[in-house]
Amino acid sequence: MSLPPLAYAFVAATANVLGAAAVTSRARWSMRALDVMVALSAGFMIAVSVGELLPESIERAGRSAALAALAGYLLVHLTQHTFARHFHFGEETHEVNTAVSASALVGLLLHTFFDGVAIASGFDVSPGLGFLVFMAILLHKLPEGLAISSLFLAAGASRRAALGAAAALGAATIVGVLITEFFAGMRELGLAVSAGVTLYVAASNLVPEFQSKLGWRMPISFFLGCGLYFAARMVTLP
């Protein structure tokens, strides 16, 4: 018996908090390991978005799905890189003000809400697609929690507030699942909007975090992420 989408959302939300805990507890965090995780998740997310979410949503809703995907892409750019230009998916080491951390949180709340929409919409199509979407989201949840918590700490917030910010991101994912399951209209175009959001996060947020780094570790990790999608697809989808 497969788990309900809400259970997967809780797991994803927990990963947000675990990422924050790595910062607030001052645990030794390997930035090299973080870079590898970001590159791996970027490859997997791009592959899932282009290979599954976009085709499935267009098959269901036609041209309107493509426009909804574009709207999702633009909406995340507006909130994360127009209103919150300082945010990046990495540990913040420079002092910032509270306005920067607050605007980054607002932008990420929209993104993580659509993480939940994507999970619920994916499982509405099939358990296999839902699990692929869940894997794509889970892979970037740890870096996401680490990023927002370190940004709050850099702005002078307490450890509790930093953990609370990451918990809010996780809660937004859970809310996204609940609203999608309650409103049928969200399932109709939610998958398409989530495709645009996922593509933006992977290509415009995650890829720039590692593409300037020297060596073969990052490109290998990125292509492994793409390959992981094909391996997971063989197992989860007929």
C-alpha atoms as a PDB file:
ATOM      1  CA  MET A   1       0.000   0.000   0.000  1.00  0.00           C
ATOM      2  CA  SER A   2       1.524   3.311  -1.072  1.00  0.00           C
ATOM      3  CA  LEU A   3       1.786   6.269   1.279  1.00  0.00           C
ATOM      4  CA  PRO A   4      -0.483   9.308   0.768  1.00  0.00           C
ATOM      5  CA  PRO A   5       1.069  12.478  -0.742  1.00  0.00           C
ATOM      6  CA  LEU A   6       0.839  14.209   2.631  1.00  0.00           C
ATOM      7  CA  ALA A   7       3.280  11.701   4.113  1.00  0.00           C
ATOM      8  CA  TYR A   8       5.841  12.509   1.424  1.00  0.00           C
ATOM      9  CA  ALA A   9       5.301  16.214   2.080  1.00  0.00           C
ATOM     10  CA  PHE A  10       6.112  15.674   5.762  1.00  0.00           C
ATOM     11  CA  VAL A  11       9.358  13.918   4.825  1.00  0.00           C
ATOM     12  CA  ALA A  12      10.300  16.793   2.516  1.00  0.00           C
ATOM     13  CA  ALA A  13       9.431  19.320   5.221  1.00  0.00           C
ATOM     14  CA  THR A  14      11.622  17.468   7.707  1.00  0.00           C
ATOM     15  CA  ALA A  15      14.553  17.763   5.294  1.00  0.00           C
ATOM     16  CA  ASN A  16      14.160  21.558   5.367  1.00  0.00           C
ATOM     17  CA  VAL A  17      14.518  21.519   9.142  1.00  0.00           C
ATOM     18  CA  LEU A  18      17.457  19.098   9.067  1.00  0.00           C
ATOM     19  CA  GLY A  19      19.293  21.417   6.686  1.00  0.00           C
ATOM     20  CA  ALA A  20      18.710  24.310   9.070  1.00  0.00           C
ATOM     21  CA  ALA A  21      19.800  22.226  12.053  1.00  0.00           C
ATOM     22  CA  ALA A  22      23.170  21.613  10.383  1.00  0.00           C
ATOM     23  CA  VAL A  23      23.748  25.375  10.543  1.00  0.00           C
ATOM     24  CA  THR A  24      22.141  26.289  13.854  1.00  0.00           C
ATOM     25  CA  SER A  25      23.871  23.454  15.724  1.00  0.00           C
ATOM     26  CA  ARG A  26      27.194  24.586  14.220  1.00  0.00           C
ATOM     27  CA  ALA A  27      27.741  21.087  12.880  1.00  0.00           C
ATOM     28  CA  ARG A  28      30.694  20.806  10.519  1.00  0.00           C
ATOM     29  CA  TRP A  29      29.155  21.104   7.087  1.00  0.00           C
ATOM     30  CA  SER A  30      31.239  20.229   4.085  1.00  0.00           C
ATOM     31  CA  MET A  31      30.659  22.886   1.439  1.00  0.00           C
ATOM     32  CA  ARG A  32      32.044  20.462  -1.130  1.00  0.00           C
ATOM     33  CA  ALA A  33      29.369  17.951  -0.183  1.00  0.00           C
ATOM     34  CA  LEU A  34      26.760  20.705  -0.412  1.00  0.00           C
ATOM     35  CA  ASP A  35      27.953  21.655  -3.895  1.00  0.00           C
ATOM     36  CA  VAL A  36      27.715  18.025  -5.026  1.00  0.00           C
ATOM     37  CA  MET A  37      24.182  17.760  -3.616  1.00  0.00           C
ATOM     38  CA  VAL A  38      23.138  20.976  -5.366  1.00  0.00           C
ATOM     39  CA  ALA A  39      24.579  19.799  -8.702  1.00  0.00           C
ATOM     40  CA  LEU A  40      23.000  16.355  -8.376  1.00  0.00           C
ATOM     41  CA  SER A  41      19.593  17.773  -7.495  1.00  0.00           C
ATOM     42  CA  ALA A  42      19.782  20.326 -10.343  1.00  0.00           C
ATOM     43  CA  GLY A  43      20.315  17.574 -12.912  1.00  0.00           C
ATOM     44  CA  PHE A  44      17.536  15.436 -11.481  1.00  0.00           C
ATOM     45  CA  MET A  45      15.073  18.352 -11.244  1.00  0.00           C
ATOM     46  CA  ILE A  46      15.673  19.550 -14.798  1.00  0.00           C
ATOM     47  CA  ALA A  47      15.221  16.020 -16.124  1.00  0.00           C
ATOM     48  CA  VAL A  48      11.983  15.479 -14.188  1.00  0.00           C
ATOM     49  CA  SER A  49      10.598  18.859 -15.225  1.00  0.00           C
ATOM     50  CA  VAL A  50      11.371  18.489 -18.945  1.00  0.00           C
ATOM     51  CA  GLY A  51      10.910  14.729 -19.178  1.00  0.00           C
ATOM     52  CA  GLU A  52       7.783  14.293 -17.051  1.00  0.00           C
ATOM     53  CA  LEU A  53       6.051  17.373 -15.693  1.00  0.00           C
ATOM     54  CA  LEU A  54       5.874  19.460 -18.862  1.00  0.00           C
ATOM     55  CA  PRO A  55       4.757  16.637 -21.224  1.00  0.00           C
ATOM     56  CA  GLU A  56       2.207  15.298 -18.740  1.00  0.00           C
ATOM     57  CA  SER A  57       0.717  18.708 -17.999  1.00  0.00           C
ATOM     58  CA  ILE A  58       0.488  19.644 -21.700  1.00  0.00           C
ATOM     59  CA  GLU A  59      -1.170  16.312 -22.471  1.00  0.00           C
ATOM     60  CA  ARG A  60      -3.746  17.079 -19.795  1.00  0.00           C
ATOM     61  CA  ALA A  61      -4.412  20.779 -20.423  1.00  0.00           C
ATOM     62  CA  GLY A  62      -2.857  21.613 -23.789  1.00  0.00           C
ATOM     63  CA  ARG A  63      -1.542  25.101 -24.564  1.00  0.00           C
ATOM     64  CA  SER A  64      -2.871  26.536 -21.311  1.00  0.00           C
ATOM     65  CA  ALA A  65      -0.505  24.196 -19.453  1.00  0.00           C
ATOM     66  CA  ALA A  66       2.490  25.602 -21.326  1.00  0.00           C
ATOM     67  CA  LEU A  67       1.424  29.134 -20.418  1.00  0.00           C
ATOM     68  CA  ALA A  68       0.898  28.079 -16.799  1.00  0.00           C
ATOM     69  CA  ALA A  69       4.427  26.649 -16.733  1.00  0.00           C
ATOM     70  CA  LEU A  70       5.764  29.946 -18.032  1.00  0.00           C
ATOM     71  CA  ALA A  71       3.771  31.777 -15.360  1.00  0.00           C
ATOM     72  CA  GLY A  72       5.323  29.560 -12.668  1.00  0.00           C
ATOM     73  CA  TYR A  73       8.804  30.246 -14.005  1.00  0.00           C
ATOM     74  CA  LEU A  74       8.252  34.017 -14.087  1.00  0.00           C
ATOM     75  CA  LEU A  75       6.588  34.095 -10.686  1.00  0.00           C
ATOM     76  CA  VAL A  76       9.560  32.483  -8.969  1.00  0.00           C
ATOM     77  CA  HIS A  77      11.955  34.831 -10.740  1.00  0.00           C
ATOM     78  CA  LEU A  78       9.873  37.782  -9.545  1.00  0.00           C
ATOM     79  CA  THR A  79       9.881  36.689  -5.912  1.00  0.00           C
ATOM     80  CA  GLN A  80      13.382  35.258  -5.627  1.00  0.00           C
ATOM     81  CA  HIS A  81      15.528  37.390  -7.922  1.00  0.00           C
ATOM     82  CA  THR A  82      13.631  40.642  -8.284  1.00  0.00           C
ATOM     83  CA  PHE A  83      12.430  41.224  -4.723  1.00  0.00           C
ATOM     84  CA  ALA A  84      15.121  39.100  -3.022  1.00  0.00           C
ATOM     85  CA  ARG A  85      18.217  39.516  -5.157  1.00  0.00           C
ATOM     86  CA  HIS A  86      20.687  38.501  -2.449  1.00  0.00           C
ATOM     87  CA  PHE A  87      19.404  34.960  -1.988  1.00  0.00           C
ATOM     88  CA  HIS A  88      21.430  31.965  -3.151  1.00  0.00           C
ATOM     89  CA  PHE A  89      21.400  28.243  -2.406  1.00  0.00           C
ATOM     90  CA  GLY A  90      24.484  28.163  -0.231  1.00  0.00           C
ATOM     91  CA  GLU A  91      25.652  29.055   3.244  1.00  0.00           C
ATOM     92  CA  GLU A  92      25.529  32.812   3.830  1.00  0.00           C
ATOM     93  CA  THR A  93      28.860  34.106   5.168  1.00  0.00           C
ATOM     94  CA  HIS A  94      28.283  37.874   4.832  1.00  0.00           C
ATOM     95  CA  GLU A  95      26.267  40.080   7.132  1.00  0.00           C
ATOM     96  CA  VAL A  96      22.862  41.015   5.718  1.00  0.00           C
ATOM     97  CA  ASN A  97      19.901  42.975   7.025  1.00  0.00           C
ATOM     98  CA  THR A  98      16.564  41.622   8.195  1.00  0.00           C
ATOM     99  CA  ALA A  99      14.771  42.913   5.091  1.00  0.00           C
ATOM    100  CA  VAL A 100      16.959  40.677   2.918  1.00  0.00           C
ATOM    101  CA  SER A 101      16.267  37.582   5.016  1.00  0.00           C
ATOM    102  CA  ALA A 102      12.528  38.326   5.193  1.00  0.00           C
ATOM    103  CA  SER A 103      12.211  38.885   1.437  1.00  0.00           C
ATOM    104  CA  ALA A 104      14.140  35.672   0.763  1.00  0.00           C
ATOM    105  CA  LEU A 105      11.789  33.773   3.053  1.00  0.00           C
ATOM    106  CA  VAL A 106       8.717  35.159   1.271  1.00  0.00           C
ATOM    107  CA  GLY A 107      10.146  34.154  -2.102  1.00  0.00           C
ATOM    108  CA  LEU A 108      11.000  30.672  -0.919  1.00  0.00           C
ATOM    109  CA  LEU A 109       7.583  30.199   0.681  1.00  0.00           C
ATOM    110  CA  LEU A 110       6.008  30.514  -2.757  1.00  0.00           C
ATOM    111  CA  HIS A 111       8.485  28.024  -4.189  1.00  0.00           C
ATOM    112  CA  THR A 112       8.009  25.489  -1.379  1.00  0.00           C
ATOM    113  CA  PHE A 113       4.227  25.852  -1.596  1.00  0.00           C
ATOM    114  CA  PHE A 114       4.462  24.715  -5.218  1.00  0.00           C
ATOM    115  CA  ASP A 115       6.721  21.873  -4.100  1.00  0.00           C
ATOM    116  CA  GLY A 116       3.655  20.591  -2.295  1.00  0.00           C
ATOM    117  CA  VAL A 117       1.451  21.271  -5.307  1.00  0.00           C
ATOM    118  CA  ALA A 118       3.884  19.283  -7.446  1.00  0.00           C
ATOM    119  CA  ILE A 119       3.885  16.316  -5.062  1.00  0.00           C
ATOM    120  CA  ALA A 120       0.094  16.157  -4.887  1.00  0.00           C
ATOM    121  CA  SER A 121      -0.347  16.730  -8.627  1.00  0.00           C
ATOM    122  CA  GLY A 122       2.234  14.078  -9.444  1.00  0.00           C
ATOM    123  CA  PHE A 123       0.533  11.463  -7.308  1.00  0.00           C
ATOM    124  CA  ASP A 124      -2.798  12.446  -8.859  1.00  0.00           C
ATOM    125  CA  VAL A 125      -1.378  11.253 -12.207  1.00  0.00           C
ATOM    126  CA  SER A 126       0.285   8.091 -10.896  1.00  0.00           C
ATOM    127  CA  PRO A 127       2.234   6.847  -7.857  1.00  0.00           C
ATOM    128  CA  GLY A 128       5.341   6.524 -10.027  1.00  0.00           C
ATOM    129  CA  LEU A 129       5.275  10.133 -11.193  1.00  0.00           C
ATOM    130  CA  GLY A 130       4.492  11.312  -7.694  1.00  0.00           C
ATOM    131  CA  PHE A 131       7.537   9.510  -6.335  1.00  0.00           C
ATOM    132  CA  LEU A 132       9.787  10.976  -9.044  1.00  0.00           C
ATOM    133  CA  VAL A 133       8.562  14.468  -8.159  1.00  0.00           C
ATOM    134  CA  PHE A 134       9.088  13.753  -4.476  1.00  0.00           C
ATOM    135  CA  MET A 135      12.686  12.674  -5.111  1.00  0.00           C
ATOM    136  CA  ALA A 136      13.378  15.849  -7.109  1.00  0.00           C
ATOM    137  CA  ILE A 137      12.026  17.989  -4.286  1.00  0.00           C
ATOM    138  CA  LEU A 138      13.694  16.054  -1.490  1.00  0.00           C
ATOM    139  CA  LEU A 139      17.156  16.385  -3.053  1.00  0.00           C
ATOM    140  CA  HIS A 140      17.170  20.178  -2.764  1.00  0.00           C
ATOM    141  CA  LYS A 141      15.361  20.476   0.577  1.00  0.00           C
ATOM    142  CA  LEU A 142      18.517  20.128   2.707  1.00  0.00           C
ATOM    143  CA  PRO A 143      20.420  22.895   0.845  1.00  0.00           C
ATOM    144  CA  GLU A 144      17.272  25.011   0.947  1.00  0.00           C
ATOM    145  CA  GLY A 145      16.934  24.725   4.727  1.00  0.00           C
ATOM    146  CA  LEU A 146      20.631  25.389   5.170  1.00  0.00           C
ATOM    147  CA  ALA A 147      20.462  28.473   2.945  1.00  0.00           C
ATOM    148  CA  ILE A 148      17.494  30.178   4.623  1.00  0.00           C
ATOM    149  CA  SER A 149      18.712  29.469   8.151  1.00  0.00           C
ATOM    150  CA  SER A 150      22.228  30.749   7.468  1.00  0.00           C
ATOM    151  CA  LEU A 151      20.708  33.860   5.873  1.00  0.00           C
ATOM    152  CA  PHE A 152      18.654  34.504   9.007  1.00  0.00           C
ATOM    153  CA  LEU A 153      21.711  34.015  11.225  1.00  0.00           C
ATOM    154  CA  ALA A 154      23.702  36.416   9.042  1.00  0.00           C
ATOM    155  CA  ALA A 155      20.918  38.977   9.569  1.00  0.00           C
ATOM    156  CA  GLY A 156      21.340  38.677  13.350  1.00  0.00           C
ATOM    157  CA  ALA A 157      18.363  36.436  14.043  1.00  0.00           C
ATOM    158  CA  SER A 158      18.412  33.823  16.796  1.00  0.00           C
ATOM    159  CA  ARG A 159      18.934  30.126  16.157  1.00  0.00           C
ATOM    160  CA  ARG A 160      15.285  29.543  17.024  1.00  0.00           C
ATOM    161  CA  ALA A 161      14.188  32.075  14.393  1.00  0.00           C
ATOM    162  CA  ALA A 162      16.510  30.464  11.831  1.00  0.00           C
ATOM    163  CA  LEU A 163      15.015  27.040  12.535  1.00  0.00           C
ATOM    164  CA  GLY A 164      11.547  28.585  12.439  1.00  0.00           C
ATOM    165  CA  ALA A 165      12.195  29.988   8.973  1.00  0.00           C
ATOM    166  CA  ALA A 166      13.138  26.536   7.688  1.00  0.00           C
ATOM    167  CA  ALA A 167      10.111  25.002   9.422  1.00  0.00           C
ATOM    168  CA  ALA A 168       7.904  27.588   7.683  1.00  0.00           C
ATOM    169  CA  LEU A 169       9.251  26.399   4.329  1.00  0.00           C
ATOM    170  CA  GLY A 170       8.377  22.836   5.232  1.00  0.00           C
ATOM    171  CA  ALA A 171       4.911  23.896   6.384  1.00  0.00           C
ATOM    172  CA  ALA A 172       4.319  25.656   3.053  1.00  0.00           C
ATOM    173  CA  THR A 173       5.016  22.360   1.257  1.00  0.00           C
ATOM    174  CA  ILE A 174       2.444  20.591   3.422  1.00  0.00           C
ATOM    175  CA  VAL A 175      -0.098  23.359   2.772  1.00  0.00           C
ATOM    176  CA  GLY A 176       0.546  22.997  -0.960  1.00  0.00           C
ATOM    177  CA  VAL A 177      -0.381  19.314  -0.804  1.00  0.00           C
ATOM    178  CA  LEU A 178      -3.516  19.966   1.259  1.00  0.00           C
ATOM    179  CA  ILE A 179      -4.826  22.736  -1.009  1.00  0.00           C
ATOM    180  CA  THR A 180      -4.136  20.723  -4.156  1.00  0.00           C
ATOM    181  CA  GLU A 181      -5.980  17.705  -2.805  1.00  0.00           C
ATOM    182  CA  PHE A 182      -8.926  19.895  -1.734  1.00  0.00           C
ATOM    183  CA  PHE A 183      -9.319  21.966  -4.923  1.00  0.00           C
ATOM    184  CA  ALA A 184      -9.675  20.040  -8.175  1.00  0.00           C
ATOM    185  CA  GLY A 185      -8.660  23.124 -10.163  1.00  0.00           C
ATOM    186  CA  MET A 186      -5.213  23.065  -8.600  1.00  0.00           C
ATOM    187  CA  ARG A 187      -4.660  19.561  -9.909  1.00  0.00           C
ATOM    188  CA  GLU A 188      -5.622  20.673 -13.417  1.00  0.00           C
ATOM    189  CA  LEU A 189      -2.915  23.330 -13.833  1.00  0.00           C
ATOM    190  CA  GLY A 190      -0.902  22.770 -10.658  1.00  0.00           C
ATOM    191  CA  LEU A 191       1.345  20.263 -12.404  1.00  0.00           C
ATOM    192  CA  ALA A 192       2.093  22.781 -15.159  1.00  0.00           C
ATOM    193  CA  VAL A 193       2.889  25.643 -12.768  1.00  0.00           C
ATOM    194  CA  SER A 194       5.055  23.271 -10.744  1.00  0.00           C
ATOM    195  CA  ALA A 195       6.939  22.332 -13.911  1.00  0.00           C
ATOM    196  CA  GLY A 196       7.862  25.973 -14.447  1.00  0.00           C
ATOM    197  CA  VAL A 197       8.775  26.447 -10.792  1.00  0.00           C
ATOM    198  CA  THR A 198      10.905  23.292 -10.745  1.00  0.00           C
ATOM    199  CA  LEU A 199      12.673  24.248 -13.952  1.00  0.00           C
ATOM    200  CA  TYR A 200      13.441  27.721 -12.617  1.00  0.00           C
ATOM    201  CA  VAL A 201      14.777  26.482  -9.281  1.00  0.00           C
ATOM    202  CA  ALA A 202      17.012  23.946 -10.998  1.00  0.00           C
ATOM    203  CA  ALA A 203      18.266  25.967 -13.975  1.00  0.00           C
ATOM    204  CA  SER A 204      18.283  29.507 -12.577  1.00  0.00           C
ATOM    205  CA  ASN A 205      18.947  28.912  -8.875  1.00  0.00           C
ATOM    206  CA  LEU A 206      20.932  25.713  -8.516  1.00  0.00           C
ATOM    207  CA  VAL A 207      23.027  25.577 -11.699  1.00  0.00           C
ATOM    208  CA  PRO A 208      24.638  29.027 -11.136  1.00  0.00           C
ATOM    209  CA  GLU A 209      25.697  27.863  -7.664  1.00  0.00           C
ATOM    210  CA  PHE A 210      28.206  25.378  -9.094  1.00  0.00           C
ATOM    211  CA  GLN A 211      28.823  26.129 -12.777  1.00  0.00           C
ATOM    212  CA  SER A 212      31.717  28.517 -12.065  1.00  0.00           C
ATOM    213  CA  LYS A 213      33.547  26.028  -9.836  1.00  0.00           C
ATOM    214  CA  LEU A 214      36.657  24.392 -11.227  1.00  0.00           C
ATOM    215  CA  GLY A 215      37.191  20.678 -11.721  1.00  0.00           C
ATOM    216  CA  TRP A 216      35.097  17.775 -12.907  1.00  0.00           C
ATOM    217  CA  ARG A 217      33.225  17.037  -9.672  1.00  0.00           C
ATOM    218  CA  MET A 218      30.359  19.445 -10.333  1.00  0.00           C
ATOM    219  CA  PRO A 219      29.601  18.601 -13.996  1.00  0.00           C
ATOM    220  CA  ILE A 220      29.879  14.892 -13.215  1.00  0.00           C
ATOM    221  CA  SER A 221      27.426  15.309 -10.319  1.00  0.00           C
ATOM    222  CA  PHE A 222      25.047  17.269 -12.546  1.00  0.00           C
ATOM    223  CA  PHE A 223      25.007  14.618 -15.274  1.00  0.00           C
ATOM    224  CA  LEU A 224      24.705  11.896 -12.656  1.00  0.00           C
ATOM    225  CA  GLY A 225      21.580  13.677 -11.440  1.00  0.00           C
ATOM    226  CA  CYS A 226      20.149  13.482 -14.953  1.00  0.00           C
ATOM    227  CA  GLY A 227      21.113   9.820 -15.136  1.00  0.00           C
ATOM    228  CA  LEU A 228      19.510   9.169 -11.764  1.00  0.00           C
ATOM    229  CA  TYR A 229      16.210  10.376 -13.223  1.00  0.00           C
ATOM    230  CA  PHE A 230      16.356   7.791 -16.020  1.00  0.00           C
ATOM    231  CA  ALA A 231      17.268   5.046 -13.550  1.00  0.00           C
ATOM    232  CA  ALA A 232      14.465   6.032 -11.176  1.00  0.00           C
ATOM    233  CA  ARG A 233      12.014   6.259 -14.087  1.00  0.00           C
ATOM    234  CA  MET A 234      12.761   2.698 -15.129  1.00  0.00           C
ATOM    235  CA  VAL A 235      11.902   1.532 -11.631  1.00  0.00           C
ATOM    236  CA  THR A 236       8.885   3.722 -10.856  1.00  0.00           C
ATOM    237  CA  LEU A 237       7.115   4.146 -14.219  1.00  0.00           C
ATOM    238  CA  PRO A 238       5.944   1.409 -16.629  1.00  0.00           C
END
